[in-house]
Amino acid sequence: MAVKGIIRPERDVYILSSSAVVGREEYKGPLGKYFDVRDGKDDSFGMKSWEMAESEMQRLALNGAFAGSVISQADVGFLFAGDLQNQCVGSNYGLLNFGIPYLGLYGACSTASEGIMLASLISGATGRKAAAVSSSHNCSAERQFRFPMEYGGQRTPTSQWTVTGAGAFIVGTAPEETKHEGRNVRVADVMPGIPLDKGITDINNMGAAMAPAAADTILRYFRDTDTSAEDYDLIITGDLGREGSGILLEFIRSEGYDISSVHNDCGLLIYDEVMDKHAGGSGCGCSAVVMAAFILEKMRRGEYDNVLFIGTGALMNPVVLNQGQSIPGIGHLVHLVSED
């Protein structure tokens, strides 16, 4: 049922299982112990190219999500997946052999939230289980959007480090089908984002391009639900990084709200200052792995009861930037609650 911009699943829908696969840098970070699978050697995952490595991460992540539930591949009726590569080949190739009806997504770094949103809505409407997978690989993304790693280009202070990681989620209406211990995590409602373009043209400052859209979604949600930051344990964005998070807080404050006491960002959580990733993490895999491995685990433990997850994306490609176009941003909201 839709109320203004908010959509509630027709049935109660739960995140039954989740899994996260990461590279060596992500494993070295502060959340390393939470991730399910890692490549501690060279981020190739045994493949011959970075693009194939990303596909392998998606395969491993979805297999991990199946392992965390009593669900088989035949039980899942819909698979939503995306990545940063042209035509979403990371997903297309990585998930080819699962035999699940597949819908490819491109929401840039908002793909994880978009996938969870769509999977939850279709599961609620049909009663069938659905899965969402999202990934990025630092080397494949750098090759496509900037320069190959061998080029050795310098990074600006506002730039973010594309996460090597893949996160998978399985949703459904029967919470007893999970193997995870603790509380159940339900998708209470969702709010699709509205694209906004504030004239940012700097490919090295994605946070500034995405922050206005994140603010717009949060403010619309507050107004439509008559709530504020005090009603939530955590408002987590992904991935605005350091630059974008500061801009977001300013935008929200200018409209009479203050979320600083409950806000955090996936791009700030995945690395620490010592790792020197400049403005933090980014990429389709960033919020996917932080949510799949860390935030959902805290909700299952009862550390968070009421969470707003706003996945943010910069909707551009290098061709349009070279033509002088600015960068639109988007922010999709998923409202999660933990229940006994």
Foldseek 3Di string as FASTA:
>chain_A
DDQVQKFFQLAWKFFQFKAKEFEQQLLPAPCNVLHDYYHNPDLQCPPDDNLVSLLQQQLVGVVRRCVQFVDALVQAAEEEEAFDDVVRVSPCVSCVPSPHHYDYDDQKQLQLLVQVQVQRNVCSVPQGKYKYKYFYAQQVCCVFFNNHVVVVDDADLQAFGETGMMMMTMMGNDNVRGNDAFWIKIFGMKGWWDKDFPFALDPRHVLCQWLVRQLVRVVVVCVSVVHALVVFQAEEEAANFQVNVVVNQVSNVVVPGGNVVHYDYLQDRSHDVVSPRRRGYHTNRRVRNCVNRPVVVCQRHVVTFKYKYWYKRWPDGNVVSVVVDTTIMIIMITIMGTDD
